[in-house]
Amino acid sequence: MSALTKEFLVIPLQLSKLWLSSAAGDNIVVIKCINEKDWNIKFSKNNGAFAFTEGWSKVAADLTLTEGCILLFRQINPFNYVLTPFFKETPYPCCDLDLSLFTSISSFSNRKYIESFCHVFSDQPINTLLLPTYVFKNTIGVGKLRRPMNVHLNAWDSLDVFVEKDPRNKCYFFTNGWNNIVQHIGVRIEFVVVLRYLFDYNFQLTMFNVNGSDVSIPRIGLQVNC
């Protein structure tokens, strides 16, 4: 993830050193969005850091990116990337105007099916997590509130969390069990947590630190399962 400009996008120096040390500058890379649209972008190097330059403005225009969007890149190799853009949600009745909830675009032809959303953590309480109403109504289905959701933290572990609706404000929240997840993953202020709906009652959680690097979530100790 990186800060957004409309003319170019700088890849964080830490990620450049970790993943792109063997790559040469001034090459063409392919960025493919989750909606199957792709672009050829010039890949330039300056002072050890890389940036998407010529062609990036086309990406920003095609996706209608604005300042404050969150961009998630998955590297296939140094010259191929999959992009998931996230857009800030409009304020909910039950929340203040500084809402940290973002939703992605759909990877399916059905634009109402949006499977990914993310939160930028602040110093707000961690016992609950606001969920996008649009995702619950059109992707998951409100009829699935009877059972807990299974949130996968890594290749081995998952934890259950319940969803509750605030009937007055028509908002949905992760409630019972969410605090256990937050405590285990060690989330900090300004960390980004991405949740992707996989299939019935199952989410995949990925976390990113303030430098934009994904955080390896440790396995749950045996004592947690006893």
Protein backbone atom coordinates (compact mmCIF):
# COMPACT_ATOMS: atom_id res chain seq x y z
CA MET A 1 0.00 0.00 0.00
CA SER A 2 1.19 3.46 -0.69
CA ALA A 3 0.13 7.08 -0.64
CA LEU A 4 -1.79 8.08 -3.75
CA THR A 5 -0.90 10.65 -6.39
CA LYS A 6 -2.57 10.90 -9.77
CA GLU A 7 0.64 11.13 -11.84
CA PHE A 8 2.82 8.50 -10.17
CA LEU A 9 2.81 6.10 -7.24
CA VAL A 10 5.92 5.55 -5.12
CA ILE A 11 6.46 2.07 -3.71
CA PRO A 12 7.55 2.31 -0.04
CA LEU A 13 11.34 2.07 0.31
CA GLN A 14 11.09 -0.83 2.75
CA LEU A 15 9.15 -2.89 0.21
CA SER A 16 11.50 -1.91 -2.60
CA LYS A 17 14.49 -3.22 -0.63
CA LEU A 18 12.69 -6.41 0.39
CA TRP A 19 11.03 -7.46 -2.86
CA LEU A 20 12.62 -5.49 -5.70
CA SER A 21 16.36 -5.55 -4.99
CA SER A 22 17.04 -7.61 -8.13
CA ALA A 23 14.75 -5.60 -10.42
CA ALA A 24 16.06 -3.01 -12.85
CA GLY A 25 14.48 0.39 -13.32
CA ASP A 26 12.80 1.78 -16.44
CA ASN A 27 10.86 -1.36 -17.31
CA ILE A 28 7.22 -1.97 -18.11
CA VAL A 29 5.05 -3.71 -15.52
CA VAL A 30 1.51 -5.01 -15.78
CA ILE A 31 -1.04 -4.00 -13.16
CA LYS A 32 -4.24 -6.03 -13.21
CA CYS A 33 -7.22 -4.88 -11.18
CA ILE A 34 -9.49 -7.41 -9.48
CA ASN A 35 -12.21 -6.39 -11.96
CA GLU A 36 -9.99 -7.88 -14.73
CA LYS A 37 -8.96 -4.54 -16.23
CA ASP A 38 -5.20 -4.20 -16.77
CA TRP A 39 -2.64 -1.54 -17.67
CA ASN A 40 0.98 -1.39 -18.82
CA ILE A 41 2.87 1.01 -16.55
CA LYS A 42 6.45 2.27 -16.61
CA PHE A 43 8.43 1.11 -13.60
CA SER A 44 11.18 3.60 -12.62
CA LYS A 45 13.90 3.52 -9.97
CA ASN A 46 15.31 6.51 -8.10
CA ASN A 47 17.55 6.48 -5.00
CA GLY A 48 16.83 2.82 -4.33
CA ALA A 49 13.04 3.21 -4.45
CA PHE A 50 10.67 2.31 -7.29
CA ALA A 51 7.61 4.10 -8.59
CA PHE A 52 4.86 3.49 -11.12
CA THR A 53 5.22 6.48 -13.46
CA GLU A 54 4.11 6.74 -17.09
CA GLY A 55 0.65 5.21 -17.40
CA TRP A 56 -0.27 5.51 -13.72
CA SER A 57 -2.50 8.51 -14.42
CA LYS A 58 -4.59 6.23 -16.65
CA VAL A 59 -5.07 3.81 -13.74
CA ALA A 60 -6.11 6.65 -11.43
CA ALA A 61 -8.58 7.97 -14.01
CA ASP A 62 -10.08 4.59 -14.96
CA LEU A 63 -10.69 3.64 -11.33
CA THR A 64 -11.72 7.17 -10.28
CA LEU A 65 -9.13 7.15 -7.52
CA THR A 66 -9.12 10.07 -5.13
CA GLU A 67 -6.91 11.19 -2.27
CA GLY A 68 -7.49 8.90 0.70
CA CYS A 69 -8.12 5.70 -1.25
CA ILE A 70 -6.31 2.61 -0.02
CA LEU A 71 -4.56 0.49 -2.63
CA LEU A 72 -3.67 -3.14 -1.97
CA PHE A 73 -1.07 -4.64 -4.32
CA ARG A 74 -0.27 -8.35 -4.53
CA GLN A 75 3.02 -9.01 -6.25
CA ILE A 76 3.07 -11.95 -8.69
CA ASN A 77 6.66 -11.15 -9.70
CA PRO A 78 8.61 -7.85 -9.93
CA PHE A 79 6.76 -6.95 -13.13
CA ASN A 80 3.21 -8.19 -12.49
CA TYR A 81 0.81 -6.97 -9.79
CA VAL A 82 -2.82 -7.49 -8.81
CA LEU A 83 -4.52 -4.36 -7.50
CA THR A 84 -7.48 -4.11 -5.11
CA PRO A 85 -8.62 -0.51 -4.59
CA PHE A 86 -10.60 0.50 -1.51
CA PHE A 87 -12.84 3.56 -1.26
CA LYS A 88 -13.89 5.31 1.93
CA GLU A 89 -17.45 4.66 3.01
CA THR A 90 -19.83 7.55 3.58
CA PRO A 91 -20.56 8.17 7.28
CA TYR A 92 -23.02 5.82 8.95
CA PRO A 93 -25.72 7.14 11.30
CA CYS A 94 -24.12 5.32 14.23
CA CYS A 95 -20.61 6.66 13.63
CA ASP A 96 -18.77 9.95 13.60
CA LEU A 97 -17.64 11.66 10.40
CA ASP A 98 -14.07 10.38 10.71
CA LEU A 99 -15.06 6.88 9.68
CA SER A 100 -12.19 4.50 8.95
CA LEU A 101 -14.18 1.97 6.92
CA PHE A 102 -13.32 1.31 3.27
CA THR A 103 -14.88 -1.05 0.71
CA SER A 104 -13.42 -2.45 -2.51
CA ILE A 105 -14.91 -2.83 -5.94
CA SER A 106 -16.33 -6.17 -7.05
CA SER A 107 -14.18 -8.84 -8.68
CA PHE A 108 -17.35 -10.34 -10.19
CA SER A 109 -19.49 -9.22 -13.09
CA ASN A 110 -22.25 -8.65 -10.54
CA ARG A 111 -21.24 -5.26 -9.15
CA LYS A 112 -23.45 -5.72 -6.10
CA TYR A 113 -21.20 -8.55 -4.90
CA ILE A 114 -18.40 -6.78 -3.01
CA GLU A 115 -16.34 -9.21 -0.99
CA SER A 116 -13.56 -7.08 0.57
CA PHE A 117 -13.43 -4.21 3.02
CA CYS A 118 -10.85 -2.76 5.38
CA HIS A 119 -10.43 -0.63 8.48
CA VAL A 120 -7.70 1.81 9.45
CA PHE A 121 -7.35 1.42 13.19
CA SER A 122 -7.40 4.40 15.52
CA ASP A 123 -7.61 4.69 19.28
CA GLN A 124 -11.31 3.81 19.20
CA PRO A 125 -12.66 0.88 21.29
CA ILE A 126 -11.76 -2.55 19.93
CA ASN A 127 -14.64 -4.64 21.29
CA THR A 128 -16.67 -4.25 18.10
CA LEU A 129 -15.96 -3.64 14.41
CA LEU A 130 -18.33 -1.82 12.07
CA LEU A 131 -19.19 -3.81 8.94
CA PRO A 132 -20.32 -2.34 5.61
CA THR A 133 -24.10 -2.67 5.37
CA TYR A 134 -23.89 -2.97 1.57
CA VAL A 135 -21.61 -6.03 1.85
CA PHE A 136 -23.86 -7.74 4.37
CA LYS A 137 -27.04 -7.20 2.42
CA ASN A 138 -25.77 -8.02 -1.09
CA THR A 139 -22.82 -10.36 -0.59
CA ILE A 140 -23.24 -12.30 2.63
CA GLY A 141 -26.97 -12.15 3.26
CA VAL A 142 -28.64 -10.99 6.45
CA GLY A 143 -30.07 -14.48 6.97
CA LYS A 144 -26.60 -15.70 7.97
CA LEU A 145 -26.50 -13.81 11.23
CA ARG A 146 -27.65 -16.86 13.18
CA ARG A 147 -24.22 -18.53 13.14
CA PRO A 148 -20.75 -17.14 13.99
CA MET A 149 -18.40 -16.13 11.19
CA ASN A 150 -15.09 -17.94 10.92
CA VAL A 151 -12.20 -15.47 10.54
CA HIS A 152 -9.02 -17.08 9.15
CA LEU A 153 -5.88 -15.45 10.56
CA ASN A 154 -3.16 -17.47 8.83
CA ALA A 155 -2.69 -20.87 7.18
CA TRP A 156 -3.49 -22.73 10.41
CA ASP A 157 -5.79 -20.74 12.66
CA SER A 158 -9.25 -19.20 12.64
CA LEU A 159 -11.47 -17.72 15.33
CA ASP A 160 -15.23 -17.36 15.57
CA VAL A 161 -16.89 -13.97 15.79
CA PHE A 162 -20.58 -13.11 15.94
CA VAL A 163 -22.38 -10.47 13.90
CA GLU A 164 -25.07 -8.29 15.44
CA LYS A 165 -27.32 -5.65 13.93
CA ASP A 166 -28.08 -2.30 15.48
CA PRO A 167 -31.77 -2.11 14.51
CA ARG A 168 -32.08 1.58 15.28
CA ASN A 169 -29.21 2.65 13.01
CA LYS A 170 -29.34 -0.36 10.65
CA CYS A 171 -25.63 -1.04 11.13
CA TYR A 172 -23.86 -4.41 11.42
CA PHE A 173 -20.96 -5.15 13.77
CA PHE A 174 -18.54 -7.93 14.66
CA THR A 175 -19.18 -8.30 18.40
CA ASN A 176 -18.54 -11.38 20.56
CA GLY A 177 -15.17 -12.80 19.61
CA TRP A 178 -13.77 -9.73 17.83
CA ASN A 179 -11.82 -8.62 20.89
CA ASN A 180 -10.07 -12.02 20.96
CA ILE A 181 -8.99 -11.54 17.35
CA VAL A 182 -7.66 -8.03 17.97
CA GLN A 183 -5.67 -9.17 20.99
CA HIS A 184 -4.11 -12.06 19.10
CA ILE A 185 -3.12 -10.23 15.91
CA GLY A 186 -1.58 -7.35 17.88
CA VAL A 187 -3.18 -4.54 15.91
CA ARG A 188 -1.77 -1.05 16.50
CA ILE A 189 -2.87 2.49 15.72
CA GLU A 190 -2.80 3.20 11.95
CA PHE A 191 -2.56 -0.49 11.06
CA VAL A 192 -4.89 -1.56 8.25
CA VAL A 193 -6.95 -4.74 8.59
CA VAL A 194 -8.42 -6.18 5.39
CA LEU A 195 -11.28 -8.69 5.55
CA ARG A 196 -12.26 -10.67 2.47
CA TYR A 197 -15.41 -12.79 2.40
CA LEU A 198 -14.47 -16.22 1.03
CA PHE A 199 -17.63 -18.34 1.19
CA ASP A 200 -20.37 -19.29 3.65
CA TYR A 201 -19.49 -17.85 7.09
CA ASN A 202 -15.75 -17.55 6.26
CA PHE A 203 -13.51 -14.47 6.12
CA GLN A 204 -9.79 -14.12 5.42
CA LEU A 205 -8.01 -11.46 7.51
CA THR A 206 -4.82 -9.71 6.39
CA MET A 207 -3.07 -6.96 8.34
CA PHE A 208 -0.67 -4.23 7.17
CA ASN A 209 1.60 -2.04 9.28
CA VAL A 210 2.22 1.72 8.96
CA ASN A 211 4.89 1.06 6.28
CA GLY A 212 2.41 -0.78 4.06
CA SER A 213 3.95 -4.22 4.65
CA ASP A 214 1.77 -7.20 5.45
CA VAL A 215 2.16 -8.49 9.00
CA SER A 216 2.75 -12.17 9.68
CA ILE A 217 0.14 -13.28 12.22
CA PRO A 218 1.53 -15.94 14.60
CA ARG A 219 -0.09 -19.27 15.24
CA ILE A 220 -2.40 -19.53 18.20
CA GLY A 221 -0.77 -21.22 21.18
CA LEU A 222 -2.05 -24.61 22.33
CA GLN A 223 -3.37 -23.04 25.53
CA VAL A 224 -5.92 -21.00 23.53
CA ASN A 225 -7.51 -24.18 22.20
CA CYS A 226 -7.81 -25.93 25.54
